Each structure stands twice: as C-alpha cells, then as structure tokens.
N, C-alpha and C. Protein backbone atom coordinates (compact mmCIF):
# COMPACT_ATOMS: atom_id res chain seq x y z
N MET A 1 0.70 -1.57 0.17
CA MET A 1 0.35 -0.51 -0.06
C MET A 1 0.65 1.31 0.06
N THR A 2 1.87 1.37 0.58
CA THR A 2 3.33 2.70 1.07
C THR A 2 3.40 2.59 -0.89
N PHE A 3 3.29 1.61 -1.41
CA PHE A 3 3.86 1.90 -3.02
C PHE A 3 3.58 2.39 -3.37
N LEU A 4 1.32 2.72 -3.34
CA LEU A 4 0.73 3.28 -4.02
C LEU A 4 1.16 4.33 -3.27
N TYR A 5 0.73 5.10 -2.75
CA TYR A 5 1.12 6.16 -1.95
C TYR A 5 2.17 6.99 -2.85
N VAL A 6 3.58 6.26 -2.80
CA VAL A 6 4.97 6.48 -2.88
C VAL A 6 4.35 6.71 -4.75
N LEU A 7 4.38 5.64 -5.40
CA LEU A 7 4.18 6.21 -7.11
C LEU A 7 3.03 7.39 -7.57
N LEU A 8 1.78 7.21 -6.46
CA LEU A 8 0.65 8.77 -6.42
C LEU A 8 1.65 9.62 -6.80
N THR A 9 3.18 9.66 -5.48
CA THR A 9 3.72 11.19 -4.99
C THR A 9 4.19 11.42 -6.07
N VAL A 10 4.68 10.83 -6.79
CA VAL A 10 5.99 10.55 -7.85
C VAL A 10 5.30 11.17 -9.65
N TYR A 11 4.30 10.60 -9.53
CA TYR A 11 3.22 11.30 -11.02
C TYR A 11 3.38 12.49 -10.39
N ILE A 12 2.88 12.90 -9.27
CA ILE A 12 2.73 14.35 -8.78
C ILE A 12 3.24 15.40 -9.40
N ILE A 13 4.92 14.79 -9.07
CA ILE A 13 5.33 15.62 -9.15
C ILE A 13 6.48 15.34 -10.07
N ALA A 14 6.22 14.59 -11.35
CA ALA A 14 6.47 14.30 -12.34
C ALA A 14 5.68 15.76 -12.86
N VAL A 15 4.92 15.23 -12.97
CA VAL A 15 3.16 15.79 -14.01
C VAL A 15 3.74 17.07 -13.61
N ASN A 16 3.94 18.12 -12.68
CA ASN A 16 4.27 18.82 -12.16
C ASN A 16 5.44 20.11 -12.51
N PHE A 17 6.70 18.77 -12.71
CA PHE A 17 8.03 19.02 -12.86
C PHE A 17 8.18 19.10 -14.62
N TYR A 18 6.99 18.70 -15.23
CA TYR A 18 6.94 18.72 -16.27
C TYR A 18 6.77 20.31 -17.42
N GLY A 19 5.42 20.45 -15.99
CA GLY A 19 4.62 21.40 -16.92
C GLY A 19 4.89 22.43 -16.70
N TYR A 20 5.81 22.68 -15.49
CA TYR A 20 7.01 23.54 -15.38
C TYR A 20 8.10 23.92 -16.43
N ARG A 21 8.72 22.71 -16.71
CA ARG A 21 9.19 22.69 -17.38
C ARG A 21 8.87 23.64 -19.16
N PHE A 22 7.44 22.91 -19.63
CA PHE A 22 6.88 23.03 -20.66
C PHE A 22 6.91 24.69 -20.78
N VAL A 23 6.37 25.20 -19.63
CA VAL A 23 6.05 26.92 -19.66
C VAL A 23 7.25 27.87 -20.33
N LYS A 24 8.17 27.03 -19.39
CA LYS A 24 9.99 27.95 -19.83
C LYS A 24 10.22 27.76 -21.26
N LEU A 25 9.69 26.43 -21.32
CA LEU A 25 10.17 26.17 -22.93
C LEU A 25 9.67 27.03 -23.99
N GLN A 26 8.88 26.96 -23.53
CA GLN A 26 7.11 27.99 -24.46
C GLN A 26 8.33 29.87 -24.08
N ARG A 27 8.00 30.19 -22.59
CA ARG A 27 8.86 30.74 -22.78
C ARG A 27 10.04 31.36 -23.57
N ASP A 28 11.41 30.68 -23.55
CA ASP A 28 12.46 31.21 -23.85
C ASP A 28 12.18 30.64 -25.78
N ASN A 29 11.04 29.46 -26.48
CA ASN A 29 11.07 30.15 -27.58
C ASN A 29 10.34 31.72 -28.28
N ALA A 30 9.56 31.91 -27.36
CA ALA A 30 8.94 32.83 -27.71
C ALA A 30 10.14 33.92 -27.66
N ASP A 31 10.66 34.44 -25.89
CA ASP A 31 11.74 34.95 -26.28
C ASP A 31 12.76 34.74 -28.03
N ALA A 32 13.29 33.73 -28.14
CA ALA A 32 14.32 33.44 -28.87
C ALA A 32 13.64 34.04 -30.22
N GLY A 33 12.03 33.75 -30.84
CA GLY A 33 11.56 34.13 -31.59
C GLY A 33 11.15 33.78 -32.77
N GLU A 34 11.11 31.94 -31.94
CA GLU A 34 10.80 30.56 -32.90
C GLU A 34 9.60 30.58 -31.81
N PRO A 35 8.74 29.44 -32.95
CA PRO A 35 7.70 29.23 -32.84
C PRO A 35 7.70 28.56 -31.44
N THR A 36 6.20 28.89 -30.87
CA THR A 36 5.80 28.17 -29.42
C THR A 36 5.33 26.64 -30.08
N GLY A 37 4.84 26.00 -30.95
CA GLY A 37 3.82 25.59 -31.18
C GLY A 37 2.40 25.41 -30.20
N GLY A 38 1.89 26.01 -30.14
CA GLY A 38 0.86 26.21 -29.66
C GLY A 38 0.66 25.68 -28.07
N ASP A 39 -0.51 25.52 -27.87
CA ASP A 39 -1.16 25.40 -26.23
C ASP A 39 -2.01 23.88 -26.06
N GLY A 40 -2.20 23.23 -26.98
CA GLY A 40 -2.28 21.69 -26.82
C GLY A 40 -1.64 21.29 -25.70
N LYS A 41 0.11 20.85 -26.02
CA LYS A 41 0.27 19.99 -24.76
C LYS A 41 1.12 20.91 -23.41
N LEU A 42 0.90 22.03 -23.61
CA LEU A 42 0.37 22.63 -22.45
C LEU A 42 -1.51 22.31 -21.83
N PHE A 43 -2.19 22.02 -22.03
CA PHE A 43 -3.54 21.67 -21.88
C PHE A 43 -3.43 20.75 -21.17
N LEU A 44 -2.80 20.08 -22.56
CA LEU A 44 -2.60 17.92 -21.96
C LEU A 44 -1.23 18.18 -21.13
N ALA A 45 -1.01 19.02 -20.48
CA ALA A 45 0.20 18.60 -18.99
C ALA A 45 -0.84 19.19 -18.07
N ALA A 46 -1.01 19.61 -18.31
CA ALA A 46 -2.34 20.65 -17.08
C ALA A 46 -3.40 19.87 -17.03
N PHE A 47 -3.74 19.35 -18.06
CA PHE A 47 -5.05 17.68 -17.22
C PHE A 47 -4.66 16.61 -17.05
N LEU A 48 -3.75 16.55 -17.20
CA LEU A 48 -3.06 15.15 -16.19
C LEU A 48 -2.64 15.53 -14.94
N GLY A 49 -2.33 16.94 -14.52
CA GLY A 49 -2.29 17.15 -13.51
C GLY A 49 -1.57 17.77 -13.56
N GLY A 50 -0.75 18.64 -13.79
CA GLY A 50 0.04 19.54 -13.86
C GLY A 50 -0.40 21.83 -14.14
N ALA A 51 -1.46 21.44 -13.82
CA ALA A 51 -1.69 22.35 -13.63
C ALA A 51 -1.59 23.36 -12.63
N ILE A 52 -1.70 23.17 -11.18
CA ILE A 52 -1.58 23.89 -10.48
C ILE A 52 0.00 25.13 -10.95
N ALA A 53 1.77 23.95 -10.88
CA ALA A 53 2.72 24.17 -11.93
C ALA A 53 2.60 25.04 -12.76
N VAL A 54 1.97 25.00 -14.04
CA VAL A 54 1.97 25.57 -15.11
C VAL A 54 1.47 26.82 -15.03
N TYR A 55 0.22 27.18 -13.76
CA TYR A 55 -0.21 28.41 -13.17
C TYR A 55 0.54 29.59 -12.97
N ALA A 56 1.60 28.00 -11.84
CA ALA A 56 2.13 29.50 -10.96
C ALA A 56 3.44 29.87 -11.49
N SER A 57 4.03 29.00 -12.36
CA SER A 57 5.40 28.86 -13.85
C SER A 57 4.60 30.11 -14.62
N MET A 58 3.37 30.27 -14.76
CA MET A 58 3.00 31.98 -15.60
C MET A 58 3.08 32.73 -14.98
N PHE A 59 2.63 32.52 -14.46
CA PHE A 59 2.90 34.18 -12.77
C PHE A 59 4.55 34.44 -12.46
N ALA A 60 4.99 33.07 -12.97
CA ALA A 60 6.21 33.18 -12.20
C ALA A 60 6.85 34.25 -13.19
N MET A 61 6.74 33.38 -14.07
CA MET A 61 7.52 34.18 -15.37
C MET A 61 7.58 35.11 -16.29
N ARG A 62 5.84 35.65 -15.86
CA ARG A 62 4.95 36.54 -16.17
C ARG A 62 4.75 36.57 -17.37
N TYR A 63 4.49 34.96 -18.12
CA TYR A 63 4.66 34.84 -19.48
C TYR A 63 2.86 34.42 -19.31
N ARG A 64 2.50 34.48 -20.90
CA ARG A 64 0.51 34.31 -21.29
C ARG A 64 0.02 34.46 -20.17
N LEU A 65 0.15 35.93 -19.47
CA LEU A 65 -1.04 36.43 -18.40
C LEU A 65 -1.98 37.26 -19.67
N THR A 66 -2.02 37.51 -20.73
CA THR A 66 -2.90 38.08 -21.31
C THR A 66 -3.81 37.17 -22.23
N SER A 67 -3.21 35.77 -22.14
CA SER A 67 -4.36 34.92 -22.64
C SER A 67 -6.09 34.13 -21.51
N LEU A 68 -6.99 34.61 -22.14
CA LEU A 68 -8.24 34.66 -21.45
C LEU A 68 -8.83 32.72 -21.00
N LEU A 69 -7.89 32.59 -21.91
CA LEU A 69 -8.00 30.80 -22.09
C LEU A 69 -7.37 30.46 -21.09
N LEU A 70 -6.19 30.87 -20.78
CA LEU A 70 -4.89 29.74 -20.21
C LEU A 70 -5.84 30.50 -18.40
N MET A 71 -5.97 32.04 -18.49
CA MET A 71 -6.18 32.43 -16.99
C MET A 71 -7.84 31.69 -16.58
N VAL A 72 -8.32 30.95 -17.18
CA VAL A 72 -9.48 30.98 -17.12
C VAL A 72 -9.75 29.71 -16.50
N ALA A 73 -9.00 28.27 -17.57
CA ALA A 73 -8.82 27.36 -17.77
C ALA A 73 -7.98 26.65 -17.00
N MET A 74 -6.96 26.79 -16.38
CA MET A 74 -5.82 26.54 -15.67
C MET A 74 -6.46 26.24 -14.18
N PRO A 75 -6.59 27.37 -13.74
CA PRO A 75 -7.65 27.68 -12.00
C PRO A 75 -8.57 26.17 -12.32
N LEU A 76 -9.59 26.26 -12.77
CA LEU A 76 -10.81 24.91 -12.65
C LEU A 76 -9.80 23.75 -13.08
N LEU A 77 -8.72 23.16 -13.57
CA LEU A 77 -8.63 22.51 -14.07
C LEU A 77 -7.24 23.05 -12.68
N ALA A 78 -7.12 23.05 -12.19
CA ALA A 78 -5.86 22.97 -10.92
C ALA A 78 -7.36 22.61 -9.53
N VAL A 79 -8.05 22.66 -10.02
CA VAL A 79 -9.02 22.10 -8.73
C VAL A 79 -9.89 21.17 -9.54
N PHE A 80 -9.64 21.11 -10.24
CA PHE A 80 -9.78 19.48 -10.66
C PHE A 80 -8.95 18.13 -11.17
N ASN A 81 -7.87 18.75 -10.85
CA ASN A 81 -6.41 18.30 -10.21
C ASN A 81 -6.48 17.38 -8.80
N VAL A 82 -6.44 18.65 -8.15
CA VAL A 82 -6.75 18.62 -6.55
C VAL A 82 -7.50 17.36 -5.70
N TRP A 83 -8.41 17.82 -6.42
CA TRP A 83 -9.78 17.05 -6.80
C TRP A 83 -9.46 15.33 -7.36
N CYS A 84 -9.03 15.07 -7.98
CA CYS A 84 -8.93 13.30 -8.11
C CYS A 84 -7.61 13.49 -7.35
N PHE A 85 -6.68 14.08 -7.04
CA PHE A 85 -5.07 13.32 -6.13
C PHE A 85 -6.23 13.12 -4.60
N TYR A 86 -6.58 14.25 -4.55
CA TYR A 86 -7.15 13.98 -3.43
C TYR A 86 -8.23 12.82 -3.11
N MET A 87 -8.66 12.29 -3.97
CA MET A 87 -9.63 10.68 -4.19
C MET A 87 -9.19 9.84 -4.91
N GLY A 88 -7.86 9.97 -5.47
CA GLY A 88 -6.17 9.07 -5.44
C GLY A 88 -5.96 9.02 -4.40
N TYR A 89 -5.81 9.86 -2.93
CA TYR A 89 -4.77 9.01 -1.40
C TYR A 89 -5.60 8.51 -0.86
N ARG A 90 -6.99 9.21 -1.00
CA ARG A 90 -8.69 8.29 0.02
C ARG A 90 -9.06 7.07 0.10
N SER A 91 -8.48 6.96 -1.63
CA SER A 91 -9.38 5.36 -1.71
C SER A 91 -8.30 4.34 -2.73
N ILE A 92 -7.41 4.87 -1.72
CA ILE A 92 -5.85 3.58 -2.71
C ILE A 92 -6.40 2.75 -1.93
N TRP A 93 -7.32 2.34 -1.25
CA TRP A 93 -6.97 1.04 -0.40
C TRP A 93 -8.11 0.03 -1.47
N LEU A 94 -9.14 1.06 -2.16
CA LEU A 94 -9.71 0.18 -3.20
C LEU A 94 -9.19 -0.49 -4.45
N PHE A 95 -7.79 -0.50 -4.23
CA PHE A 95 -7.37 -1.42 -5.31
C PHE A 95 -6.31 -2.00 -4.77
N LEU A 96 -6.32 -2.35 -3.22
CA LEU A 96 -5.56 -3.78 -3.25
C LEU A 96 -6.06 -4.66 -3.41
C-alpha cells in the first residue's frame, strides 16, 4: 500500500515538473523568436495533473498572462487536479 502512495506522489511531482519545464520552454522559444508550438501540449500537461505548476509558473515567469483561455482554464483544471489527487489518496486502498 505504501508503494501506491509513493507512486502517486512521484507521478504528481513528475507531471508538475514537466508542466513547469514546458512553460519555461515556450517562454524561451518566444523570446528567441521561434514558434512556441501552440497550447495543446500545455493543456494536456495541465489536464494530466500539472495545472498548479503551469499556472504558478505562468505568473512567476510573467508569460502568457494576457491569454484569457489560459487564465480561466488553468485554475479550473487545478481544482479538478486537486480533487482527483485527493480522491486518489483517499481511496487508494480500493486497488488492493
């Protein structure tokens, strides 16, 4: 059972780190004048559990703060992610 808790925790950390790195990569590409590649991967990373890191890194780097879609969707996805993680930790014993 402890293994499942550790596995879920590592997943949360990994997907949030990926979300942070992806926002940083987009910002660096935008500063260099290269195409950023759109928001599809950003939304995918946020939906998979990295919405909190994506939203926080957007504010920390001051990048894409004028995008209304991102400013509305990321907090909603963050609430959804927190709820899913809470349900995952709460009901992990069902998988045994």
